[in-house]
């Protein structure tokens, strides 16, 4: 795993990865250390028809309390994002670090 100094990044973007990590709650806690004060977390995730993934409420429940102004945006309804209709849960979560 790459080693990064603490408070190195303004934004962490994660697309369809968090659900596949063995301990997503611990990963989210670790990411707090890498963000600068007032940093932002931007997650694009989903819960697919196959049963893989995480529901948005599962992720928001795992977020450390240092993340505030958390919003969840549904992305499933916009077929332009995916090249056609989708029948699963796809969303973006945006949260600000407030240390």
N, C-alpha and C. Protein backbone atom coordinates (compact mmCIF):
# COMPACT_ATOMS: atom_id res chain seq x y z
N UNK A 1 0.85 -1.18 0.00
CA UNK A 1 0.00 0.00 0.00
C UNK A 1 0.89 1.24 0.00
N UNK A 2 0.57 2.22 -0.86
CA UNK A 2 1.38 3.45 -0.88
C UNK A 2 1.27 4.19 0.46
N UNK A 3 2.35 4.82 0.83
CA UNK A 3 2.37 5.62 2.05
C UNK A 3 2.26 7.10 1.68
N UNK A 4 1.30 7.79 2.27
CA UNK A 4 1.11 9.20 2.03
C UNK A 4 1.21 9.96 3.34
N UNK A 5 1.76 11.16 3.30
CA UNK A 5 1.79 11.98 4.51
C UNK A 5 0.36 12.35 4.92
N UNK A 6 0.15 12.60 6.19
CA UNK A 6 -1.16 13.03 6.67
C UNK A 6 -1.47 14.42 6.15
N UNK A 7 -2.75 14.71 6.01
CA UNK A 7 -3.28 15.99 5.52
C UNK A 7 -2.64 16.38 4.19
N UNK A 8 -2.60 15.43 3.28
CA UNK A 8 -1.96 15.63 1.98
C UNK A 8 -2.94 16.04 0.88
N UNK A 9 -4.21 15.65 0.99
CA UNK A 9 -5.13 15.79 -0.14
C UNK A 9 -6.32 16.69 0.19
N UNK A 10 -6.77 17.44 -0.82
CA UNK A 10 -7.97 18.25 -0.69
C UNK A 10 -9.22 17.41 -0.88
N UNK A 11 -9.12 16.39 -1.74
CA UNK A 11 -10.27 15.55 -2.09
C UNK A 11 -9.80 14.10 -2.22
N UNK A 12 -10.64 13.20 -1.74
CA UNK A 12 -10.46 11.77 -2.03
C UNK A 12 -11.67 11.35 -2.84
N UNK A 13 -11.42 10.78 -4.01
CA UNK A 13 -12.48 10.28 -4.88
C UNK A 13 -12.35 8.77 -4.96
N UNK A 14 -13.45 8.10 -4.75
CA UNK A 14 -13.47 6.64 -4.79
C UNK A 14 -14.68 6.22 -5.63
N UNK A 15 -14.43 5.45 -6.68
CA UNK A 15 -15.51 5.03 -7.58
C UNK A 15 -15.60 3.51 -7.61
N UNK A 16 -16.70 2.99 -7.10
CA UNK A 16 -17.01 1.57 -7.12
C UNK A 16 -15.87 0.71 -6.56
N UNK A 17 -15.30 1.14 -5.46
CA UNK A 17 -14.22 0.39 -4.84
C UNK A 17 -14.48 0.09 -3.37
N UNK A 18 -15.04 1.03 -2.65
CA UNK A 18 -15.20 0.88 -1.21
C UNK A 18 -15.91 -0.42 -0.85
N UNK A 19 -16.92 -0.79 -1.60
CA UNK A 19 -17.71 -1.98 -1.30
C UNK A 19 -16.86 -3.25 -1.37
N UNK A 20 -15.79 -3.22 -2.17
CA UNK A 20 -14.97 -4.42 -2.38
C UNK A 20 -13.84 -4.56 -1.36
N UNK A 21 -13.63 -3.55 -0.54
CA UNK A 21 -12.56 -3.59 0.45
C UNK A 21 -13.01 -4.37 1.68
N UNK A 22 -12.10 -5.11 2.32
CA UNK A 22 -12.50 -6.00 3.42
C UNK A 22 -13.04 -5.28 4.66
N UNK A 23 -12.58 -4.06 4.94
CA UNK A 23 -13.04 -3.34 6.13
C UNK A 23 -13.30 -1.87 5.77
N UNK A 24 -14.42 -1.61 5.08
CA UNK A 24 -14.66 -0.25 4.59
C UNK A 24 -14.74 0.80 5.70
N UNK A 25 -15.25 0.44 6.85
CA UNK A 25 -15.34 1.42 7.94
C UNK A 25 -13.94 1.88 8.37
N UNK A 26 -13.02 0.95 8.47
CA UNK A 26 -11.65 1.30 8.86
C UNK A 26 -10.96 2.12 7.76
N UNK A 27 -11.27 1.82 6.52
CA UNK A 27 -10.71 2.58 5.40
C UNK A 27 -11.18 4.03 5.47
N UNK A 28 -12.46 4.24 5.72
CA UNK A 28 -12.99 5.59 5.82
C UNK A 28 -12.32 6.35 6.97
N UNK A 29 -12.09 5.68 8.07
CA UNK A 29 -11.39 6.31 9.20
C UNK A 29 -9.96 6.67 8.82
N UNK A 30 -9.31 5.82 8.07
CA UNK A 30 -7.94 6.08 7.63
C UNK A 30 -7.89 7.28 6.67
N UNK A 31 -8.87 7.38 5.80
CA UNK A 31 -8.88 8.47 4.83
C UNK A 31 -8.97 9.83 5.49
N UNK A 32 -9.58 9.92 6.67
CA UNK A 32 -9.66 11.19 7.40
C UNK A 32 -8.25 11.75 7.59
N UNK A 33 -7.30 10.90 7.89
CA UNK A 33 -5.93 11.34 8.14
C UNK A 33 -5.27 11.94 6.90
N UNK A 34 -5.66 11.49 5.73
CA UNK A 34 -5.04 11.95 4.49
C UNK A 34 -5.61 13.25 3.97
N UNK A 35 -6.82 13.60 4.41
CA UNK A 35 -7.45 14.82 3.93
C UNK A 35 -6.96 16.03 4.71
N UNK A 36 -6.79 17.13 3.98
CA UNK A 36 -6.50 18.41 4.63
C UNK A 36 -7.74 18.87 5.39
N UNK A 37 -7.54 19.80 6.31
CA UNK A 37 -8.70 20.40 6.97
C UNK A 37 -9.62 20.97 5.91
N UNK A 38 -10.89 20.78 6.09
CA UNK A 38 -11.92 21.21 5.12
C UNK A 38 -11.85 20.40 3.83
N UNK A 39 -11.22 19.23 3.87
CA UNK A 39 -11.17 18.35 2.70
C UNK A 39 -12.53 17.76 2.39
N UNK A 40 -12.61 17.08 1.27
CA UNK A 40 -13.90 16.52 0.82
C UNK A 40 -13.72 15.07 0.39
N UNK A 41 -14.71 14.26 0.74
CA UNK A 41 -14.77 12.87 0.33
C UNK A 41 -15.87 12.74 -0.72
N UNK A 42 -15.54 12.12 -1.84
CA UNK A 42 -16.50 11.96 -2.93
C UNK A 42 -16.52 10.49 -3.31
N UNK A 43 -17.62 9.83 -3.02
CA UNK A 43 -17.76 8.39 -3.27
C UNK A 43 -18.84 8.16 -4.32
N UNK A 44 -18.54 7.34 -5.31
CA UNK A 44 -19.55 6.85 -6.24
C UNK A 44 -19.60 5.35 -6.02
N UNK A 45 -20.72 4.88 -5.54
CA UNK A 45 -20.86 3.47 -5.17
C UNK A 45 -22.22 2.96 -5.61
N UNK A 46 -22.51 1.74 -5.24
CA UNK A 46 -23.80 1.16 -5.59
C UNK A 46 -24.06 -0.15 -4.91
N UNK A 47 -25.29 -0.60 -5.08
CA UNK A 47 -25.70 -1.93 -4.65
C UNK A 47 -26.38 -2.54 -5.86
N UNK A 48 -25.77 -3.60 -6.39
CA UNK A 48 -26.20 -4.14 -7.67
C UNK A 48 -27.17 -5.30 -7.51
N UNK A 49 -27.86 -5.59 -8.60
CA UNK A 49 -28.86 -6.68 -8.63
C UNK A 49 -28.26 -8.02 -8.20
N UNK A 50 -26.97 -8.16 -8.36
CA UNK A 50 -26.29 -9.41 -8.00
C UNK A 50 -26.14 -9.59 -6.49
N UNK A 51 -26.43 -8.52 -5.72
CA UNK A 51 -26.26 -8.57 -4.27
C UNK A 51 -24.92 -8.03 -3.82
N UNK A 52 -24.07 -7.64 -4.75
CA UNK A 52 -22.78 -7.05 -4.41
C UNK A 52 -22.95 -5.55 -4.17
N UNK A 53 -22.09 -4.99 -3.37
CA UNK A 53 -22.09 -3.56 -3.14
C UNK A 53 -22.56 -3.18 -1.74
N UNK A 54 -22.74 -1.90 -1.56
CA UNK A 54 -23.21 -1.34 -0.29
C UNK A 54 -24.35 -0.37 -0.57
N UNK A 55 -25.36 -0.40 0.27
CA UNK A 55 -26.42 0.60 0.17
C UNK A 55 -25.87 1.93 0.69
N UNK A 56 -26.41 3.02 0.20
CA UNK A 56 -25.95 4.34 0.60
C UNK A 56 -26.04 4.54 2.11
N UNK A 57 -27.13 4.06 2.72
CA UNK A 57 -27.28 4.25 4.16
C UNK A 57 -26.24 3.45 4.96
N UNK A 58 -25.74 2.37 4.40
CA UNK A 58 -24.68 1.62 5.08
C UNK A 58 -23.40 2.45 5.12
N UNK A 59 -23.09 3.10 4.02
CA UNK A 59 -21.88 3.92 3.98
C UNK A 59 -22.01 5.14 4.87
N UNK A 60 -23.14 5.82 4.79
CA UNK A 60 -23.28 7.02 5.63
C UNK A 60 -23.21 6.66 7.11
N UNK A 61 -23.67 5.48 7.48
CA UNK A 61 -23.57 5.04 8.88
C UNK A 61 -22.13 4.75 9.28
N UNK A 62 -21.28 4.41 8.33
CA UNK A 62 -19.87 4.11 8.61
C UNK A 62 -18.99 5.36 8.64
N UNK A 63 -19.48 6.46 8.11
CA UNK A 63 -18.64 7.66 8.03
C UNK A 63 -18.24 8.14 9.42
N UNK A 64 -16.98 8.45 9.62
CA UNK A 64 -16.56 9.02 10.90
C UNK A 64 -17.30 10.34 11.16
N UNK A 65 -17.50 10.67 12.42
CA UNK A 65 -18.26 11.86 12.79
C UNK A 65 -17.58 13.15 12.35
N UNK A 66 -16.32 13.09 11.97
CA UNK A 66 -15.62 14.28 11.49
C UNK A 66 -16.07 14.69 10.09
N UNK A 67 -16.84 13.85 9.41
CA UNK A 67 -17.43 14.24 8.13
C UNK A 67 -18.79 14.87 8.38
N UNK A 68 -18.99 16.05 7.80
CA UNK A 68 -20.26 16.76 7.96
C UNK A 68 -20.78 17.15 6.58
N UNK A 69 -21.94 17.77 6.57
CA UNK A 69 -22.56 18.21 5.32
C UNK A 69 -22.63 17.06 4.31
N UNK A 70 -23.00 15.90 4.79
CA UNK A 70 -23.06 14.72 3.93
C UNK A 70 -24.32 14.75 3.08
N UNK A 71 -24.13 14.56 1.78
CA UNK A 71 -25.28 14.46 0.88
C UNK A 71 -25.19 13.17 0.08
N UNK A 72 -26.34 12.62 -0.24
CA UNK A 72 -26.43 11.43 -1.08
C UNK A 72 -27.24 11.80 -2.30
N UNK A 73 -26.67 11.57 -3.46
CA UNK A 73 -27.37 11.87 -4.71
C UNK A 73 -27.61 10.58 -5.46
N UNK A 74 -28.87 10.33 -5.79
CA UNK A 74 -29.25 9.15 -6.57
C UNK A 74 -28.73 9.32 -7.99
N UNK A 75 -28.02 8.32 -8.48
CA UNK A 75 -27.53 8.34 -9.86
C UNK A 75 -28.21 7.30 -10.74
N UNK A 76 -29.06 6.48 -10.17
CA UNK A 76 -29.70 5.39 -10.92
C UNK A 76 -30.67 5.89 -11.98
N UNK A 77 -31.31 7.01 -11.71
CA UNK A 77 -32.39 7.48 -12.59
C UNK A 77 -31.90 8.14 -13.87
N UNK A 78 -30.61 8.44 -13.96
CA UNK A 78 -30.10 9.12 -15.15
C UNK A 78 -29.39 8.11 -16.04
N UNK A 79 -30.09 7.61 -17.02
CA UNK A 79 -29.54 6.58 -17.90
C UNK A 79 -28.36 7.09 -18.73
N UNK A 80 -28.25 8.40 -18.91
CA UNK A 80 -27.12 8.96 -19.65
C UNK A 80 -25.79 8.66 -18.95
N UNK A 81 -25.81 8.54 -17.64
CA UNK A 81 -24.58 8.22 -16.91
C UNK A 81 -24.07 6.82 -17.21
N UNK A 82 -24.99 5.91 -17.55
CA UNK A 82 -24.64 4.48 -17.63
C UNK A 82 -24.82 3.88 -19.01
N UNK A 83 -25.27 4.65 -19.95
CA UNK A 83 -25.44 4.14 -21.30
C UNK A 83 -26.73 3.35 -21.48
N UNK A 84 -27.65 3.48 -20.54
CA UNK A 84 -28.94 2.80 -20.61
C UNK A 84 -29.57 2.72 -19.23
N UNK A 85 -30.76 2.20 -19.18
CA UNK A 85 -31.49 2.05 -17.93
C UNK A 85 -30.76 1.09 -16.99
N UNK A 86 -30.81 1.36 -15.70
CA UNK A 86 -30.23 0.47 -14.70
C UNK A 86 -31.32 0.13 -13.68
N UNK A 87 -31.23 -1.07 -13.14
CA UNK A 87 -32.22 -1.51 -12.17
C UNK A 87 -31.63 -1.68 -10.78
N UNK A 88 -30.47 -1.09 -10.55
CA UNK A 88 -29.87 -1.24 -9.23
C UNK A 88 -29.63 0.14 -8.62
N UNK A 89 -29.11 0.14 -7.41
CA UNK A 89 -28.90 1.38 -6.67
C UNK A 89 -27.51 1.94 -6.97
N UNK A 90 -27.47 3.12 -7.55
CA UNK A 90 -26.20 3.79 -7.83
C UNK A 90 -26.32 5.21 -7.30
N UNK A 91 -25.27 5.68 -6.66
CA UNK A 91 -25.38 6.95 -5.94
C UNK A 91 -24.00 7.57 -5.76
N UNK A 92 -24.01 8.86 -5.43
CA UNK A 92 -22.81 9.57 -5.03
C UNK A 92 -23.01 10.06 -3.61
N UNK A 93 -21.97 9.94 -2.80
CA UNK A 93 -21.97 10.49 -1.45
C UNK A 93 -20.85 11.53 -1.39
N UNK A 94 -21.21 12.71 -0.95
CA UNK A 94 -20.23 13.79 -0.80
C UNK A 94 -20.28 14.23 0.65
N UNK A 95 -19.10 14.28 1.28
CA UNK A 95 -19.01 14.68 2.69
C UNK A 95 -17.79 15.56 2.89
N UNK A 96 -17.95 16.57 3.72
CA UNK A 96 -16.88 17.51 4.02
C UNK A 96 -16.22 17.14 5.35
N UNK A 97 -14.92 17.25 5.39
CA UNK A 97 -14.19 17.01 6.63
C UNK A 97 -14.21 18.28 7.45
N UNK A 98 -14.63 18.16 8.68
CA UNK A 98 -14.75 19.32 9.55
C UNK A 98 -13.94 19.05 10.81
N UNK A 99 -12.65 19.33 10.74
CA UNK A 99 -11.78 19.14 11.91
C UNK A 99 -11.47 20.45 12.57
